[in-house]
Amino acid sequence: MAGPIQRFDASEWSVRFGCEVQDFSPGSYLGPKESRRLERGTQLGFAAAADALADAGDPGADPARCAVVSGTGIGGLITL
């Protein structure tokens, strides 16, 4: 749901609302060490991939011959 941006100070921007992910717990997908080391965007991507795999069920293919490739041109800006 759209609302005022809460994750950073947006007061200097002309747009101050967005659709932020609320109540996300990386601990449901990652261990404590990985959760601390990974940037939030990476955590969300990992969680989305895990949920997609769980929803897809058995793909009926050799896992050693399957892959998912994902990339971003500008991730982790909050961390920087």
PDB file of N, CA and C in Angstrom:
ATOM      1  N   MET A   1       0.836  -1.160   0.000  1.00  0.00           N
ATOM      2  CA  MET A   1       0.000   0.000   0.000  1.00  0.00           C
ATOM      3  C   MET A   1       0.899   1.247   0.000  1.00  0.00           C
ATOM      4  N   ALA A   2       0.537   2.213  -0.784  1.00  0.00           N
ATOM      5  CA  ALA A   2       1.311   3.454  -0.867  1.00  0.00           C
ATOM      6  C   ALA A   2       1.101   4.293   0.390  1.00  0.00           C
ATOM      7  N   GLY A   3       2.159   4.984   0.790  1.00  0.00           N
ATOM      8  CA  GLY A   3       2.091   5.854   1.952  1.00  0.00           C
ATOM      9  C   GLY A   3       3.353   6.682   2.035  1.00  0.00           C
ATOM     10  N   PRO A   4       3.492   7.496   3.059  1.00  0.00           N
ATOM     11  CA  PRO A   4       4.696   8.310   3.226  1.00  0.00           C
ATOM     12  C   PRO A   4       5.945   7.428   3.331  1.00  0.00           C
ATOM     13  N   ILE A   5       7.019   7.836   2.690  1.00  0.00           N
ATOM     14  CA  ILE A   5       8.276   7.097   2.751  1.00  0.00           C
ATOM     15  C   ILE A   5       8.815   7.156   4.165  1.00  0.00           C
ATOM     16  N   GLN A   6       9.168   5.993   4.700  1.00  0.00           N
ATOM     17  CA  GLN A   6       9.618   5.893   6.081  1.00  0.00           C
ATOM     18  C   GLN A   6      11.074   5.443   6.208  1.00  0.00           C
ATOM     19  N   ARG A   7      11.608   4.746   5.199  1.00  0.00           N
ATOM     20  CA  ARG A   7      12.928   4.124   5.321  1.00  0.00           C
ATOM     21  C   ARG A   7      14.082   5.124   5.206  1.00  0.00           C
ATOM     22  N   PHE A   8      13.815   6.326   4.685  1.00  0.00           N
ATOM     23  CA  PHE A   8      14.841   7.355   4.613  1.00  0.00           C
ATOM     24  C   PHE A   8      14.172   8.720   4.596  1.00  0.00           C
ATOM     25  N   ASP A   9      14.933   9.763   4.809  1.00  0.00           N
ATOM     26  CA  ASP A   9      14.403  11.126   4.830  1.00  0.00           C
ATOM     27  C   ASP A   9      14.157  11.588   3.394  1.00  0.00           C
ATOM     28  N   ALA A  10      12.896  11.702   3.018  1.00  0.00           N
ATOM     29  CA  ALA A  10      12.531  12.100   1.662  1.00  0.00           C
ATOM     30  C   ALA A  10      12.094  13.561   1.595  1.00  0.00           C
ATOM     31  N   SER A  11      12.372  14.325   2.631  1.00  0.00           N
ATOM     32  CA  SER A  11      11.883  15.708   2.698  1.00  0.00           C
ATOM     33  C   SER A  11      12.424  16.599   1.584  1.00  0.00           C
ATOM     34  N   GLU A  12      13.600  16.294   1.063  1.00  0.00           N
ATOM     35  CA  GLU A  12      14.165  17.133  -0.010  1.00  0.00           C
ATOM     36  C   GLU A  12      13.674  16.738  -1.402  1.00  0.00           C
ATOM     37  N   TRP A  13      12.885  15.679  -1.497  1.00  0.00           N
ATOM     38  CA  TRP A  13      12.385  15.196  -2.781  1.00  0.00           C
ATOM     39  C   TRP A  13      10.982  15.740  -3.034  1.00  0.00           C
ATOM     40  N   SER A  14      10.625  15.899  -4.291  1.00  0.00           N
ATOM     41  CA  SER A  14       9.283  16.390  -4.618  1.00  0.00           C
ATOM     42  C   SER A  14       8.220  15.314  -4.377  1.00  0.00           C
ATOM     43  N   VAL A  15       8.596  14.065  -4.458  1.00  0.00           N
ATOM     44  CA  VAL A  15       7.673  12.962  -4.173  1.00  0.00           C
ATOM     45  C   VAL A  15       8.101  12.329  -2.855  1.00  0.00           C
ATOM     46  N   ARG A  16       7.173  12.239  -1.924  1.00  0.00           N
ATOM     47  CA  ARG A  16       7.500  11.728  -0.585  1.00  0.00           C
ATOM     48  C   ARG A  16       6.655  10.518  -0.202  1.00  0.00           C
ATOM     49  N   PHE A  17       6.073   9.851  -1.191  1.00  0.00           N
ATOM     50  CA  PHE A  17       5.302   8.650  -0.897  1.00  0.00           C
ATOM     51  C   PHE A  17       5.761   7.536  -1.824  1.00  0.00           C
ATOM     52  N   GLY A  18       5.535   6.310  -1.404  1.00  0.00           N
ATOM     53  CA  GLY A  18       5.930   5.153  -2.204  1.00  0.00           C
ATOM     54  C   GLY A  18       5.310   3.894  -1.631  1.00  0.00           C
ATOM     55  N   CYS A  19       5.638   2.787  -2.230  1.00  0.00           N
ATOM     56  CA  CYS A  19       5.148   1.479  -1.766  1.00  0.00           C
ATOM     57  C   CYS A  19       6.329   0.715  -1.189  1.00  0.00           C
ATOM     58  N   GLU A  20       6.534   0.838   0.098  1.00  0.00           N
ATOM     59  CA  GLU A  20       7.634   0.169   0.779  1.00  0.00           C
ATOM     60  C   GLU A  20       7.181  -1.182   1.321  1.00  0.00           C
ATOM     61  N   VAL A  21       8.094  -2.129   1.371  1.00  0.00           N
ATOM     62  CA  VAL A  21       7.810  -3.430   1.963  1.00  0.00           C
ATOM     63  C   VAL A  21       7.853  -3.262   3.476  1.00  0.00           C
ATOM     64  N   GLN A  22       6.754  -3.541   4.126  1.00  0.00           N
ATOM     65  CA  GLN A  22       6.647  -3.408   5.583  1.00  0.00           C
ATOM     66  C   GLN A  22       6.695  -4.793   6.230  1.00  0.00           C
ATOM     67  N   ASP A  23       7.139  -4.865   7.446  1.00  0.00           N
ATOM     68  CA  ASP A  23       7.102  -6.092   8.255  1.00  0.00           C
ATOM     69  C   ASP A  23       7.795  -7.274   7.594  1.00  0.00           C
ATOM     70  N   PHE A  24       8.897  -7.033   6.896  1.00  0.00           N
ATOM     71  CA  PHE A  24       9.668  -8.123   6.289  1.00  0.00           C
ATOM     72  C   PHE A  24      10.706  -8.604   7.285  1.00  0.00           C
ATOM     73  N   SER A  25      10.749  -9.916   7.502  1.00  0.00           N
ATOM     74  CA  SER A  25      11.727 -10.497   8.405  1.00  0.00           C
ATOM     75  C   SER A  25      12.640 -11.424   7.615  1.00  0.00           C
ATOM     76  N   PRO A  26      13.895 -11.033   7.378  1.00  0.00           N
ATOM     77  CA  PRO A  26      14.797 -11.901   6.623  1.00  0.00           C
ATOM     78  C   PRO A  26      15.102 -13.200   7.358  1.00  0.00           C
ATOM     79  N   GLY A  27      14.873 -13.231   8.674  1.00  0.00           N
ATOM     80  CA  GLY A  27      15.121 -14.437   9.453  1.00  0.00           C
ATOM     81  C   GLY A  27      14.265 -15.612   9.025  1.00  0.00           C
ATOM     82  N   SER A  28      13.171 -15.349   8.326  1.00  0.00           N
ATOM     83  CA  SER A  28      12.328 -16.426   7.814  1.00  0.00           C
ATOM     84  C   SER A  28      12.991 -17.131   6.631  1.00  0.00           C
ATOM     85  N   TYR A  29      13.996 -16.500   6.019  1.00  0.00           N
ATOM     86  CA  TYR A  29      14.638 -17.024   4.821  1.00  0.00           C
ATOM     87  C   TYR A  29      16.140 -17.237   4.978  1.00  0.00           C
ATOM     88  N   LEU A  30      16.757 -16.441   5.842  1.00  0.00           N
ATOM     89  CA  LEU A  30      18.211 -16.457   5.985  1.00  0.00           C
ATOM     90  C   LEU A  30      18.601 -16.606   7.450  1.00  0.00           C
ATOM     91  N   GLY A  31      19.794 -17.099   7.680  1.00  0.00           N
ATOM     92  CA  GLY A  31      20.306 -17.171   9.040  1.00  0.00           C
ATOM     93  C   GLY A  31      20.703 -15.794   9.532  1.00  0.00           C
ATOM     94  N   PRO A  32      20.974 -15.646  10.819  1.00  0.00           N
ATOM     95  CA  PRO A  32      21.313 -14.332  11.377  1.00  0.00           C
ATOM     96  C   PRO A  32      22.561 -13.707  10.755  1.00  0.00           C
ATOM     97  N   LYS A  33      23.574 -14.514  10.473  1.00  0.00           N
ATOM     98  CA  LYS A  33      24.804 -13.988   9.898  1.00  0.00           C
ATOM     99  C   LYS A  33      24.565 -13.459   8.484  1.00  0.00           C
ATOM    100  N   GLU A  34      23.846 -14.241   7.657  1.00  0.00           N
ATOM    101  CA  GLU A  34      23.549 -13.799   6.301  1.00  0.00           C
ATOM    102  C   GLU A  34      22.654 -12.562   6.310  1.00  0.00           C
ATOM    103  N   SER A  35      21.711 -12.528   7.235  1.00  0.00           N
ATOM    104  CA  SER A  35      20.815 -11.375   7.329  1.00  0.00           C
ATOM    105  C   SER A  35      21.586 -10.085   7.593  1.00  0.00           C
ATOM    106  N   ARG A  36      22.610 -10.166   8.452  1.00  0.00           N
ATOM    107  CA  ARG A  36      23.414  -8.968   8.760  1.00  0.00           C
ATOM    108  C   ARG A  36      24.293  -8.559   7.587  1.00  0.00           C
ATOM    109  N   ARG A  37      24.754  -9.516   6.820  1.00  0.00           N
ATOM    110  CA  ARG A  37      25.720  -9.232   5.754  1.00  0.00           C
ATOM    111  C   ARG A  37      25.083  -8.788   4.442  1.00  0.00           C
ATOM    112  N   LEU A  38      23.825  -9.165   4.212  1.00  0.00           N
ATOM    113  CA  LEU A  38      23.191  -8.867   2.935  1.00  0.00           C
ATOM    114  C   LEU A  38      22.368  -7.594   2.997  1.00  0.00           C
ATOM    115  N   GLU A  39      22.436  -6.805   1.968  1.00  0.00           N
ATOM    116  CA  GLU A  39      21.663  -5.581   1.830  1.00  0.00           C
ATOM    117  C   GLU A  39      20.183  -5.939   1.697  1.00  0.00           C
ATOM    118  N   ARG A  40      19.313  -5.052   2.087  1.00  0.00           N
ATOM    119  CA  ARG A  40      17.866  -5.315   2.102  1.00  0.00           C
ATOM    120  C   ARG A  40      17.333  -5.736   0.737  1.00  0.00           C
ATOM    121  N   GLY A  41      17.763  -5.105  -0.329  1.00  0.00           N
ATOM    122  CA  GLY A  41      17.299  -5.481  -1.663  1.00  0.00           C
ATOM    123  C   GLY A  41      17.665  -6.918  -2.006  1.00  0.00           C
ATOM    124  N   THR A  42      18.851  -7.337  -1.582  1.00  0.00           N
ATOM    125  CA  THR A  42      19.285  -8.718  -1.787  1.00  0.00           C
ATOM    126  C   THR A  42      18.445  -9.665  -0.957  1.00  0.00           C
ATOM    127  N   GLN A  43      18.149  -9.280   0.284  1.00  0.00           N
ATOM    128  CA  GLN A  43      17.296 -10.100   1.142  1.00  0.00           C
ATOM    129  C   GLN A  43      15.917 -10.292   0.514  1.00  0.00           C
ATOM    130  N   LEU A  44      15.338  -9.211   0.010  1.00  0.00           N
ATOM    131  CA  LEU A  44      14.020  -9.287  -0.616  1.00  0.00           C
ATOM    132  C   LEU A  44      14.055 -10.150  -1.875  1.00  0.00           C
ATOM    133  N   GLY A  45      15.115 -10.027  -2.666  1.00  0.00           N
ATOM    134  CA  GLY A  45      15.255 -10.854  -3.867  1.00  0.00           C
ATOM    135  C   GLY A  45      15.373 -12.325  -3.532  1.00  0.00           C
ATOM    136  N   PHE A  46      16.159 -12.632  -2.503  1.00  0.00           N
ATOM    137  CA  PHE A  46      16.313 -14.016  -2.068  1.00  0.00           C
ATOM    138  C   PHE A  46      14.976 -14.573  -1.599  1.00  0.00           C
ATOM    139  N   ALA A  47      14.247 -13.794  -0.804  1.00  0.00           N
ATOM    140  CA  ALA A  47      12.945 -14.233  -0.300  1.00  0.00           C
ATOM    141  C   ALA A  47      11.960 -14.456  -1.449  1.00  0.00           C
ATOM    142  N   ALA A  48      11.956 -13.567  -2.431  1.00  0.00           N
ATOM    143  CA  ALA A  48      11.062 -13.720  -3.581  1.00  0.00           C
ATOM    144  C   ALA A  48      11.391 -14.987  -4.367  1.00  0.00           C
ATOM    145  N   ALA A  49      12.683 -15.259  -4.553  1.00  0.00           N
ATOM    146  CA  ALA A  49      13.093 -16.468  -5.267  1.00  0.00           C
ATOM    147  C   ALA A  49      12.703 -17.718  -4.483  1.00  0.00           C
ATOM    148  N   ALA A  50      12.904 -17.708  -3.172  1.00  0.00           N
ATOM    149  CA  ALA A  50      12.537 -18.860  -2.333  1.00  0.00           C
ATOM    150  C   ALA A  50      11.035 -19.106  -2.385  1.00  0.00           C
ATOM    151  N   ASP A  51      10.244 -18.034  -2.324  1.00  0.00           N
ATOM    152  CA  ASP A  51       8.792 -18.179  -2.400  1.00  0.00           C
ATOM    153  C   ASP A  51       8.359 -18.699  -3.766  1.00  0.00           C
ATOM    154  N   ALA A  52       8.985 -18.216  -4.831  1.00  0.00           N
ATOM    155  CA  ALA A  52       8.646 -18.672  -6.182  1.00  0.00           C
ATOM    156  C   ALA A  52       8.954 -20.154  -6.353  1.00  0.00           C
ATOM    157  N   LEU A  53      10.100 -20.588  -5.852  1.00  0.00           N
ATOM    158  CA  LEU A  53      10.450 -22.012  -5.935  1.00  0.00           C
ATOM    159  C   LEU A  53       9.465 -22.864  -5.138  1.00  0.00           C
ATOM    160  N   ALA A  54       9.093 -22.393  -3.965  1.00  0.00           N
ATOM    161  CA  ALA A  54       8.141 -23.142  -3.144  1.00  0.00           C
ATOM    162  C   ALA A  54       6.772 -23.225  -3.824  1.00  0.00           C
ATOM    163  N   ASP A  55       6.346 -22.136  -4.464  1.00  0.00           N
ATOM    164  CA  ASP A  55       5.053 -22.123  -5.154  1.00  0.00           C
ATOM    165  C   ASP A  55       5.069 -22.993  -6.409  1.00  0.00           C
ATOM    166  N   ALA A  56       6.235 -23.093  -7.070  1.00  0.00           N
ATOM    167  CA  ALA A  56       6.341 -23.839  -8.328  1.00  0.00           C
ATOM    168  C   ALA A  56       6.274 -25.345  -8.114  1.00  0.00           C
ATOM    169  N   GLY A  57       6.698 -25.795  -6.953  1.00  0.00           N
ATOM    170  CA  GLY A  57       6.724 -27.234  -6.708  1.00  0.00           C
ATOM    171  C   GLY A  57       7.889 -27.884  -7.429  1.00  0.00           C
ATOM    172  N   ASP A  58       7.799 -29.181  -7.630  1.00  0.00           N
ATOM    173  CA  ASP A  58       8.867 -29.943  -8.278  1.00  0.00           C
ATOM    174  C   ASP A  58       8.918 -29.604  -9.767  1.00  0.00           C
ATOM    175  N   PRO A  59      10.039 -29.040 -10.235  1.00  0.00           N
ATOM    176  CA  PRO A  59      10.117 -28.671 -11.656  1.00  0.00           C
ATOM    177  C   PRO A  59      10.303 -29.866 -12.586  1.00  0.00           C
ATOM    178  N   GLY A  60      10.635 -31.023 -12.035  1.00  0.00           N
ATOM    179  CA  GLY A  60      10.826 -32.207 -12.866  1.00  0.00           C
ATOM    180  C   GLY A  60      12.075 -32.127 -13.719  1.00  0.00           C
ATOM    181  N   ALA A  61      13.071 -31.396 -13.258  1.00  0.00           N
ATOM    182  CA  ALA A  61      14.323 -31.249 -13.997  1.00  0.00           C
ATOM    183  C   ALA A  61      15.488 -31.517 -13.047  1.00  0.00           C
ATOM    184  N   ASP A  62      16.623 -31.843 -13.626  1.00  0.00           N
ATOM    185  CA  ASP A  62      17.840 -32.080 -12.856  1.00  0.00           C
ATOM    186  C   ASP A  62      18.316 -30.754 -12.267  1.00  0.00           C
ATOM    187  N   PRO A  63      18.320 -30.607 -10.930  1.00  0.00           N
ATOM    188  CA  PRO A  63      18.734 -29.335 -10.322  1.00  0.00           C
ATOM    189  C   PRO A  63      20.150 -28.904 -10.718  1.00  0.00           C
ATOM    190  N   ALA A  64      21.011 -29.865 -11.033  1.00  0.00           N
ATOM    191  CA  ALA A  64      22.377 -29.533 -11.430  1.00  0.00           C
ATOM    192  C   ALA A  64      22.412 -28.845 -12.797  1.00  0.00           C
ATOM    193  N   ARG A  65      21.317 -28.915 -13.548  1.00  0.00           N
ATOM    194  CA  ARG A  65      21.269 -28.316 -14.883  1.00  0.00           C
ATOM    195  C   ARG A  65      20.330 -27.106 -14.937  1.00  0.00           C
ATOM    196  N   CYS A  66      19.942 -26.594 -13.784  1.00  0.00           N
ATOM    197  CA  CYS A  66      19.027 -25.452 -13.709  1.00  0.00           C
ATOM    198  C   CYS A  66      19.733 -24.266 -13.056  1.00  0.00           C
ATOM    199  N   ALA A  67      19.302 -23.077 -13.425  1.00  0.00           N
ATOM    200  CA  ALA A  67      19.889 -21.872 -12.834  1.00  0.00           C
ATOM    201  C   ALA A  67      18.906 -20.712 -12.920  1.00  0.00           C
ATOM    202  N   VAL A  68      19.117 -19.765 -12.073  1.00  0.00           N
ATOM    203  CA  VAL A  68      18.414 -18.494 -12.135  1.00  0.00           C
ATOM    204  C   VAL A  68      19.486 -17.419 -12.147  1.00  0.00           C
ATOM    205  N   VAL A  69      19.386 -16.523 -13.099  1.00  0.00           N
ATOM    206  CA  VAL A  69      20.351 -15.432 -13.192  1.00  0.00           C
ATOM    207  C   VAL A  69      19.595 -14.134 -12.955  1.00  0.00           C
ATOM    208  N   SER A  70      20.078 -13.354 -12.031  1.00  0.00           N
ATOM    209  CA  SER A  70      19.443 -12.095 -11.701  1.00  0.00           C
ATOM    210  C   SER A  70      20.516 -11.026 -11.589  1.00  0.00           C
ATOM    211  N   GLY A  71      20.173  -9.836 -11.956  1.00  0.00           N
ATOM    212  CA  GLY A  71      21.147  -8.751 -11.843  1.00  0.00           C
ATOM    213  C   GLY A  71      20.469  -7.421 -11.620  1.00  0.00           C
ATOM    214  N   THR A  72      21.246  -6.478 -11.200  1.00  0.00           N
ATOM    215  CA  THR A  72      20.753  -5.130 -11.013  1.00  0.00           C
ATOM    216  C   THR A  72      21.830  -4.153 -11.426  1.00  0.00           C
ATOM    217  N   GLY A  73      21.431  -3.053 -11.953  1.00  0.00           N
ATOM    218  CA  GLY A  73      22.395  -2.060 -12.367  1.00  0.00           C
ATOM    219  C   GLY A  73      22.687  -1.038 -11.286  1.00  0.00           C
ATOM    220  N   ILE A  74      21.854  -1.019 -10.239  1.00  0.00           N
ATOM    221  CA  ILE A  74      22.018   0.029  -9.241  1.00  0.00           C
ATOM    222  C   ILE A  74      21.377  -0.380  -7.915  1.00  0.00           C
ATOM    223  N   GLY A  75      21.808  -1.478  -7.363  1.00  0.00           N
ATOM    224  CA  GLY A  75      21.228  -1.950  -6.105  1.00  0.00           C
ATOM    225  C   GLY A  75      22.006  -1.450  -4.898  1.00  0.00           C
ATOM    226  N   GLY A  76      21.362  -1.438  -3.761  1.00  0.00           N
ATOM    227  CA  GLY A  76      22.028  -1.127  -2.509  1.00  0.00           C
ATOM    228  C   GLY A  76      22.322   0.335  -2.257  1.00  0.00           C
ATOM    229  N   LEU A  77      21.551   1.242  -2.831  1.00  0.00           N
ATOM    230  CA  LEU A  77      21.834   2.668  -2.633  1.00  0.00           C
ATOM    231  C   LEU A  77      21.688   3.112  -1.179  1.00  0.00           C
ATOM    232  N   ILE A  78      20.758   2.524  -0.457  1.00  0.00           N
ATOM    233  CA  ILE A  78      20.598   2.893   0.953  1.00  0.00           C
ATOM    234  C   ILE A  78      21.860   2.512   1.735  1.00  0.00           C
ATOM    235  N   THR A  79      22.434   1.360   1.405  1.00  0.00           N
ATOM    236  CA  THR A  79      23.639   0.897   2.073  1.00  0.00           C
ATOM    237  C   THR A  79      24.808   1.822   1.787  1.00  0.00           C
ATOM    238  N   LEU A  80      24.905   2.290   0.544  1.00  0.00           N
ATOM    239  CA  LEU A  80      26.012   3.191   0.196  1.00  0.00           C
ATOM    240  C   LEU A  80      25.901   4.491   0.943  1.00  0.00           C
TER     241      LEU A  80
END
